[in-house]
Structures are given as C-alpha cells and as structure tokens.
Amino acid sequence: MTGVAVIGSGAFGTSLALALAAEGSPIEFWGRDRDDLRQMQENRKTGTRLPGFDLPESISVKPDLEKISAQVCLLSVPMQKLAGFLESAPSLKGRTLVACCKGVDLKTGLGPVSTIQTVFPDNSAGILTGPSFAVDIAAGLPTALVIAHGDASVAASLQAELNRSKLRLYRTTDTVGAELGGSLKNVVALASGIAIGAGLGESARASVIARGFAEMTRYAMRMGAQPETLGGLSGLGDLVLTATSEKSRNYSAGIAIGQGRDLPDVTIEGIATAQAIAGLAKSDGVDMPLASAVAAITLGKLDLRSAIEMLLARPATEE
C-alpha cells in the first residue's frame, strides 16, 4: 500500500489527519469546503469544523480531489451522503477505500462498506470504527479503534499502515458486525438521551443501554455478524461512549427530544439509522422495540409519553 489520504474535512476527518500525521507520516487531506482548505493551507491551522489545532507540515492539503495520489483513502463523509459522494468521485476507482462513518443509508438500507462496494464493485473496501470523539483524537489522547476488512491480509496491512502510538487499531474480518455496531449504537444513544431528557433517571438509562445492546446484537447476528464483534470496541465500546456522554451528538439530540427542544443543526446519524433499521427489522422479523420507538418518535408518528407507556407495557419475559 502506498500513501494515505483523508477525504473529508469535518471534525472527525480532521482529527484522523492530525493523528495519522502526528509522527511525521505524510497524509493527503481533502474536503468539500475550498475556502476552509485554502485557509488551512495558508495558516497551517485546522478549519472551522475542528478549530484550535496546528496543522503539521506532513499534512498536504489538496483542494482538488483528482490530485489525491494515495492508494489508501479514508472516507470521512456522512453516511447519508456517502453514496452520492462516491458517484461523483470517479478518481477513487481502484483505490482501497476505508469508510469512517457510521449508519445505514436511508434509501438503500446499506451500510458504509456495502455502499462502497455497490458504487465501486472492484475496489477494496473496509471500515474504521469504534469509540472515539474527534476532539480527543485531535488532542492526541489515547484512542482504540477497529479496522475491518473482509480479507484478513488486507486488514493486517491496513492495521500496520494506520496504527499509531496514540491511535491503537485492532483488526477484524467481520465487516458486517463492525458496520452494524457503529450504526446501531447511535440509535441506542438517542434512546438513552431521551430517557435522561424526559427525566426518567439514570437507572432507566442503564436499562435502555443494556436492552439496546441486546437489540444491536440480535439484529447484527441475524445479518451474519459475529457476537464477539458486537461485544468489542465497535459495538459495546462505542455504545458505552456514545450513550453516556453529552459530547455525543446522538445522546445530546436524545436529551433535546426528551425535553421537547429543537434539535441542533448538526448531523445526527442515529435518526436516519433508526428509521432505516426499524423497517428492515420488521421485514426480517427481528424484534427491536427501542429502535422502532425512536424511529416513530423522530418521524412524528408517536409522541414521547405514548412511546414510554408502550415500552413499559411490553410483556415480561426472560432476559
């Protein structure tokens, strides 16, 4: 593998570029906002999405996507925009593409790896996922992530290429489990935030997290995932982080919903994922009451009080 590029200059893409370049490794960096990129080139400071960090000289800002030469490209593009972006980027054909987003496409029901493979069937596709906040990675705080690729040798090569002293990567060939762990935890984080926002208390939040994890595992295994993957960084690890911290956009959005406030104007992947997964789970015969409730609430089909009453009225069963 020759060279690494980070595609996407949002907060997470910027943090990845900083972490990967921290030890002097050359990193190519591209984003849609040309003005932001120009400022980064001139000032050698990070852009508006993640301000406050110096940009190492080892990061080469590339205003033109076609001039990216790296063979390994990390795609830090929002899930709901990933397919459209790939379709508009023919220059990425033939590269090793690693998705750095979490969710399920609302139109197709596909995850990040499957989306890449649909647009570029001959490309090598993987995913980088796990418990992480952009500001922590950018600050050089220790973070552990998962690199998933269906080919064990490619997964090992990517691990060797991307592993850093403060960014520790574990590898797996279970791309389905890595995709769904990262996607479904956002739905549970929304439900967890709703519980706190609605004043149900921390005990209720713990129950939501535990039962939500059961839903995640149940659905992912039906789709062919390994339970070990869901119990690792890309599942349980990411869930613990995202469903308990107000630095999480999904958890914070859930709190806002529970309090009856307007949602912030940021990408909240869990909303689209809940709506996509609720339909998929129903057609696949998988019981996912929390995901279904979150989907109904965010679609305006169910008010919060009714959703809580519906969940509490479910039959008592074995765990």
Protein backbone atom coordinates (compact mmCIF):
# COMPACT_ATOMS: atom_id res chain seq x y z
CA MET A 1 0.00 0.00 0.00
CA THR A 2 1.35 3.40 -0.94
CA GLY A 3 0.27 6.53 0.85
CA VAL A 4 -2.75 7.55 2.91
CA ALA A 5 -5.33 10.25 2.26
CA VAL A 6 -8.16 11.52 4.44
CA ILE A 7 -11.19 12.52 2.40
CA GLY A 8 -13.50 14.85 4.32
CA SER A 9 -12.51 17.90 6.36
CA GLY A 10 -15.20 17.70 9.03
CA ALA A 11 -14.27 17.27 12.68
CA PHE A 12 -13.62 13.54 12.52
CA GLY A 13 -11.73 13.63 9.22
CA THR A 14 -9.56 16.47 10.51
CA SER A 15 -8.82 14.60 13.73
CA LEU A 16 -7.80 11.49 11.79
CA ALA A 17 -5.47 13.51 9.60
CA LEU A 18 -3.85 15.04 12.69
CA ALA A 19 -3.44 11.69 14.42
CA LEU A 20 -2.04 9.92 11.36
CA ALA A 21 0.40 12.75 10.63
CA ALA A 22 1.49 13.27 14.24
CA GLU A 23 4.57 11.09 13.88
CA GLY A 24 5.68 12.65 10.60
CA SER A 25 3.84 10.35 8.20
CA PRO A 26 2.78 12.15 5.01
CA ILE A 27 -1.00 12.49 4.76
CA GLU A 28 -3.04 13.94 1.91
CA PHE A 29 -6.14 15.84 3.02
CA TRP A 30 -9.19 16.93 1.03
CA GLY A 31 -12.56 18.46 1.85
CA ARG A 32 -15.53 20.00 0.06
CA ASP A 33 -15.13 23.48 1.54
CA ARG A 34 -12.47 25.03 -0.69
CA ASP A 35 -12.36 28.27 1.33
CA ASP A 36 -11.72 26.30 4.50
CA LEU A 37 -8.98 24.31 2.76
CA ARG A 38 -7.36 27.48 1.46
CA GLN A 39 -7.28 28.93 4.98
CA MET A 40 -5.71 25.72 6.25
CA GLN A 41 -3.06 25.87 3.54
CA GLU A 42 -2.21 29.48 4.31
CA ASN A 43 -2.43 29.47 8.11
CA ARG A 44 -1.48 25.85 8.84
CA LYS A 45 -4.33 25.74 11.33
CA THR A 46 -7.29 23.39 11.42
CA GLY A 47 -10.54 24.59 9.87
CA THR A 48 -13.89 25.72 11.18
CA ARG A 49 -15.21 22.22 11.96
CA LEU A 50 -12.43 21.49 14.46
CA PRO A 51 -10.61 24.73 15.26
CA GLY A 52 -7.69 25.26 17.58
CA PHE A 53 -5.04 22.82 16.34
CA ASP A 54 -1.84 23.35 14.38
CA LEU A 55 -1.64 21.58 11.04
CA PRO A 56 1.64 19.62 10.75
CA GLU A 57 3.71 20.13 7.63
CA SER A 58 3.32 16.41 6.94
CA ILE A 59 -0.33 17.08 6.07
CA SER A 60 -0.63 18.06 2.43
CA VAL A 61 -3.89 19.93 1.81
CA LYS A 62 -5.29 19.07 -1.61
CA PRO A 63 -8.03 21.37 -2.97
CA ASP A 64 -8.61 19.04 -5.94
CA LEU A 65 -9.79 15.50 -5.25
CA GLU A 66 -8.41 14.36 -8.60
CA LYS A 67 -4.88 15.19 -7.37
CA ILE A 68 -5.05 12.73 -4.48
CA SER A 69 -2.44 10.08 -5.24
CA ALA A 70 -2.67 7.87 -2.14
CA GLN A 71 -3.77 4.29 -2.59
CA VAL A 72 -5.50 4.14 0.81
CA CYS A 73 -8.29 6.70 1.22
CA LEU A 74 -10.16 7.18 4.49
CA LEU A 75 -13.65 8.45 3.69
CA SER A 76 -14.89 10.71 6.47
CA VAL A 77 -18.16 11.52 4.72
CA PRO A 78 -21.61 11.47 6.44
CA MET A 79 -23.39 8.16 5.82
CA GLN A 80 -26.39 9.71 4.12
CA LYS A 81 -24.11 11.49 1.65
CA LEU A 82 -21.63 8.67 1.06
CA ALA A 83 -23.26 7.09 -2.00
CA GLY A 84 -23.73 10.42 -3.75
CA PHE A 85 -20.17 11.46 -3.00
CA LEU A 86 -18.74 8.22 -4.37
CA GLU A 87 -20.81 8.50 -7.53
CA SER A 88 -19.33 11.97 -8.08
CA ALA A 89 -15.73 10.83 -7.47
CA PRO A 90 -14.63 8.51 -10.29
CA SER A 91 -10.98 9.26 -9.48
CA LEU A 92 -11.32 7.00 -6.43
CA LYS A 93 -11.85 3.94 -8.59
CA GLY A 94 -9.20 1.28 -7.97
CA ARG A 95 -8.21 2.60 -4.51
CA THR A 96 -8.52 0.92 -1.12
CA LEU A 97 -11.42 2.82 0.42
CA VAL A 98 -11.98 2.80 4.18
CA ALA A 99 -15.29 4.21 5.42
CA CYS A 100 -15.02 6.38 8.54
CA CYS A 101 -18.74 6.94 9.02
CA LYS A 102 -21.49 5.13 10.90
CA GLY A 103 -25.05 4.47 9.89
CA VAL A 104 -27.40 2.86 7.40
CA ASP A 105 -28.35 4.52 4.13
CA LEU A 106 -31.98 5.55 4.43
CA LYS A 107 -32.68 4.92 0.73
CA THR A 108 -30.87 1.62 0.22
CA GLY A 109 -30.60 0.09 3.70
CA LEU A 110 -26.89 -0.48 3.10
CA GLY A 111 -24.02 0.18 5.48
CA PRO A 112 -20.79 2.01 4.58
CA VAL A 113 -18.81 -0.97 3.23
CA SER A 114 -21.73 -2.25 1.16
CA THR A 115 -22.30 1.25 -0.20
CA ILE A 116 -18.68 1.48 -1.35
CA GLN A 117 -18.90 -1.96 -2.95
CA THR A 118 -22.11 -1.01 -4.76
CA VAL A 119 -20.60 2.09 -6.35
CA PHE A 120 -17.12 0.64 -6.88
CA PRO A 121 -17.53 -3.16 -7.05
CA ASP A 122 -13.88 -3.70 -7.94
CA ASN A 123 -12.46 -1.56 -5.13
CA SER A 124 -11.10 -2.94 -1.87
CA ALA A 125 -13.44 -1.68 0.89
CA GLY A 126 -13.22 -1.61 4.68
CA ILE A 127 -14.32 0.41 7.66
CA LEU A 128 -12.60 2.21 10.55
CA THR A 129 -14.88 2.45 13.56
CA GLY A 130 -15.05 2.36 17.35
CA PRO A 131 -15.39 4.59 20.43
CA SER A 132 -13.94 7.99 19.63
CA PHE A 133 -14.61 11.69 19.79
CA ALA A 134 -12.87 13.88 17.23
CA VAL A 135 -11.55 16.35 19.81
CA ASP A 136 -9.94 13.53 21.81
CA ILE A 137 -8.17 12.10 18.76
CA ALA A 138 -7.02 15.55 17.65
CA ALA A 139 -5.62 16.28 21.12
CA GLY A 140 -3.53 13.12 20.98
CA LEU A 141 -5.46 11.32 23.71
CA PRO A 142 -5.16 7.51 23.58
CA THR A 143 -7.90 6.01 21.42
CA ALA A 144 -8.54 2.43 20.29
CA LEU A 145 -10.44 1.71 17.07
CA VAL A 146 -11.27 -1.26 14.86
CA ILE A 147 -10.19 -1.67 11.25
CA ALA A 148 -12.45 -4.16 9.47
CA HIS A 149 -11.90 -5.70 6.05
CA GLY A 150 -13.23 -8.95 4.65
CA ASP A 151 -9.76 -10.02 3.53
CA ALA A 152 -7.58 -10.88 6.54
CA SER A 153 -4.34 -9.95 4.77
CA VAL A 154 -5.69 -6.55 3.74
CA ALA A 155 -6.98 -5.95 7.28
CA ALA A 156 -3.49 -6.67 8.60
CA SER A 157 -1.89 -4.36 6.02
CA LEU A 158 -4.29 -1.55 6.89
CA GLN A 159 -3.65 -2.06 10.58
CA ALA A 160 0.10 -1.76 10.01
CA GLU A 161 -0.36 1.30 7.76
CA LEU A 162 -2.67 3.22 10.10
CA ASN A 163 -1.67 2.17 13.62
CA ARG A 164 -0.06 4.93 15.71
CA SER A 165 1.24 5.18 19.26
CA LYS A 166 -1.87 7.13 20.39
CA LEU A 167 -4.27 5.59 17.86
CA ARG A 168 -4.30 1.86 18.51
CA LEU A 169 -6.05 -0.29 15.92
CA TYR A 170 -7.46 -3.77 16.32
CA ARG A 171 -8.41 -5.72 13.21
CA THR A 172 -11.27 -7.99 12.19
CA THR A 173 -12.70 -9.55 9.04
CA ASP A 174 -16.26 -9.10 10.35
CA THR A 175 -17.23 -6.01 8.37
CA VAL A 176 -20.95 -6.67 8.99
CA GLY A 177 -20.50 -6.61 12.75
CA ALA A 178 -18.25 -3.54 12.64
CA GLU A 179 -20.73 -1.70 10.41
CA LEU A 180 -23.80 -2.56 12.45
CA GLY A 181 -22.17 -2.00 15.84
CA GLY A 182 -21.22 1.53 14.84
CA SER A 183 -24.59 2.18 13.25
CA LEU A 184 -26.97 0.75 15.84
CA LYS A 185 -25.24 2.24 18.87
CA ASN A 186 -26.31 5.67 17.61
CA VAL A 187 -29.95 4.59 17.84
CA VAL A 188 -29.46 3.37 21.40
CA ALA A 189 -27.64 6.60 22.24
CA LEU A 190 -30.68 8.55 21.08
CA ALA A 191 -32.95 6.40 23.26
CA SER A 192 -30.55 6.80 26.19
CA GLY A 193 -30.59 10.57 25.80
CA ILE A 194 -34.38 10.59 25.53
CA ALA A 195 -34.60 8.73 28.85
CA ILE A 196 -32.44 11.36 30.58
CA GLY A 197 -34.13 14.29 28.83
CA ALA A 198 -37.56 13.02 29.82
CA GLY A 199 -36.48 12.82 33.45
CA LEU A 200 -36.67 9.03 33.72
CA GLY A 201 -33.36 8.84 35.59
CA GLU A 202 -30.03 7.10 35.31
CA SER A 203 -31.42 3.68 36.26
CA ALA A 204 -33.74 3.88 33.27
CA ARG A 205 -30.80 4.94 31.10
CA ALA A 206 -28.84 1.88 32.19
CA SER A 207 -31.79 -0.33 31.27
CA VAL A 208 -32.06 1.35 27.86
CA ILE A 209 -28.35 0.77 27.20
CA ALA A 210 -28.49 -2.89 28.25
CA ARG A 211 -31.67 -3.72 26.34
CA GLY A 212 -30.47 -1.65 23.41
CA PHE A 213 -27.26 -3.68 23.30
CA ALA A 214 -29.39 -6.83 23.22
CA GLU A 215 -31.25 -5.39 20.20
CA MET A 216 -28.00 -4.49 18.49
CA THR A 217 -26.61 -7.98 18.96
CA ARG A 218 -29.84 -9.71 17.95
CA TYR A 219 -30.14 -7.81 14.69
CA ALA A 220 -26.43 -7.91 13.80
CA MET A 221 -26.24 -11.68 14.32
CA ARG A 222 -29.28 -12.14 12.10
CA MET A 223 -27.36 -10.25 9.42
CA GLY A 224 -24.35 -12.55 9.81
CA ALA A 225 -22.21 -10.67 12.34
CA GLN A 226 -20.11 -12.39 14.97
CA PRO A 227 -21.19 -11.80 18.60
CA GLU A 228 -17.55 -11.14 19.56
CA THR A 229 -17.54 -8.11 17.28
CA LEU A 230 -20.61 -6.65 18.95
CA GLY A 231 -19.02 -7.24 22.36
CA GLY A 232 -15.86 -5.40 21.32
CA LEU A 233 -14.81 -1.85 20.55
CA SER A 234 -17.04 -1.36 17.52
CA GLY A 235 -20.15 -2.44 19.43
CA LEU A 236 -20.20 -2.31 23.21
CA GLY A 237 -17.22 0.03 23.45
CA ASP A 238 -18.73 2.58 21.11
CA LEU A 239 -22.14 2.22 22.79
CA VAL A 240 -20.75 2.97 26.26
CA LEU A 241 -19.12 6.17 24.99
CA THR A 242 -21.94 7.40 22.79
CA ALA A 243 -24.86 6.62 25.11
CA THR A 244 -23.45 8.35 28.19
CA SER A 245 -21.57 11.50 27.13
CA GLU A 246 -23.02 14.84 26.13
CA LYS A 247 -20.10 15.18 23.71
CA SER A 248 -22.07 12.63 21.67
CA ARG A 249 -24.33 14.31 19.11
CA ASN A 250 -26.82 11.44 19.23
CA TYR A 251 -27.04 11.36 23.02
CA SER A 252 -27.38 15.16 23.16
CA ALA A 253 -30.05 15.05 20.47
CA GLY A 254 -31.92 12.43 22.51
CA ILE A 255 -31.82 14.71 25.55
CA ALA A 256 -33.26 17.54 23.43
CA ILE A 257 -36.06 15.27 22.19
CA GLY A 258 -36.82 14.15 25.74
CA GLN A 259 -37.01 17.77 26.87
CA GLY A 260 -39.16 18.82 23.92
CA ARG A 261 -36.49 21.12 22.49
CA ASP A 262 -35.48 21.66 18.87
CA LEU A 263 -32.64 19.53 17.58
CA PRO A 264 -29.23 21.12 16.93
CA ASP A 265 -28.28 21.82 13.32
CA VAL A 266 -25.70 19.04 13.06
CA THR A 267 -25.57 15.57 11.51
CA ILE A 268 -27.38 13.10 13.78
CA GLU A 269 -26.88 9.76 12.06
CA GLY A 270 -28.95 7.83 14.60
CA ILE A 271 -32.19 9.37 13.35
CA ALA A 272 -31.84 8.10 9.79
CA THR A 273 -30.43 4.80 11.04
CA ALA A 274 -33.39 4.24 13.38
CA GLN A 275 -35.83 4.89 10.56
CA ALA A 276 -33.97 2.57 8.18
CA ILE A 277 -33.41 -0.21 10.72
CA ALA A 278 -36.98 -0.18 12.03
CA GLY A 279 -38.26 -1.03 8.57
CA LEU A 280 -35.54 -3.59 7.89
CA ALA A 281 -36.03 -5.29 11.26
CA LYS A 282 -39.76 -5.56 10.72
CA SER A 283 -39.32 -7.16 7.30
CA ASP A 284 -36.65 -9.52 8.69
CA GLY A 285 -38.77 -10.47 11.70
CA VAL A 286 -36.33 -9.10 14.30
CA ASP A 287 -37.85 -7.63 17.47
CA MET A 288 -36.36 -4.16 18.02
CA PRO A 289 -38.74 -2.18 20.24
CA LEU A 290 -36.29 0.61 21.14
CA ALA A 291 -35.25 1.25 17.53
CA SER A 292 -38.89 1.17 16.43
CA ALA A 293 -39.86 3.65 19.15
CA VAL A 294 -37.03 6.04 18.27
CA ALA A 295 -37.98 5.83 14.58
CA ALA A 296 -41.64 6.54 15.34
CA ILE A 297 -40.80 9.48 17.61
CA THR A 298 -38.43 11.11 15.12
CA LEU A 299 -40.93 10.63 12.29
CA GLY A 300 -43.64 12.30 14.37
CA LYS A 301 -45.76 9.13 14.39
CA LEU A 302 -45.61 8.63 18.15
CA ASP A 303 -45.40 11.10 21.00
CA LEU A 304 -42.85 10.59 23.74
CA ARG A 305 -45.32 9.73 26.52
CA SER A 306 -47.05 7.10 24.40
CA ALA A 307 -43.70 5.60 23.42
CA ILE A 308 -42.67 5.27 27.07
CA GLU A 309 -46.01 3.72 28.01
CA MET A 310 -45.78 1.30 25.08
CA LEU A 311 -42.28 0.13 26.09
CA LEU A 312 -43.22 -0.28 29.77
CA ALA A 313 -46.34 -2.26 28.82
CA ARG A 314 -44.42 -4.91 26.87
CA PRO A 315 -44.88 -8.47 28.22
CA ALA A 316 -42.44 -9.55 30.92
CA THR A 317 -40.03 -12.12 29.51
CA GLU A 318 -36.76 -13.88 30.24
CA GLU A 319 -33.68 -11.77 29.62
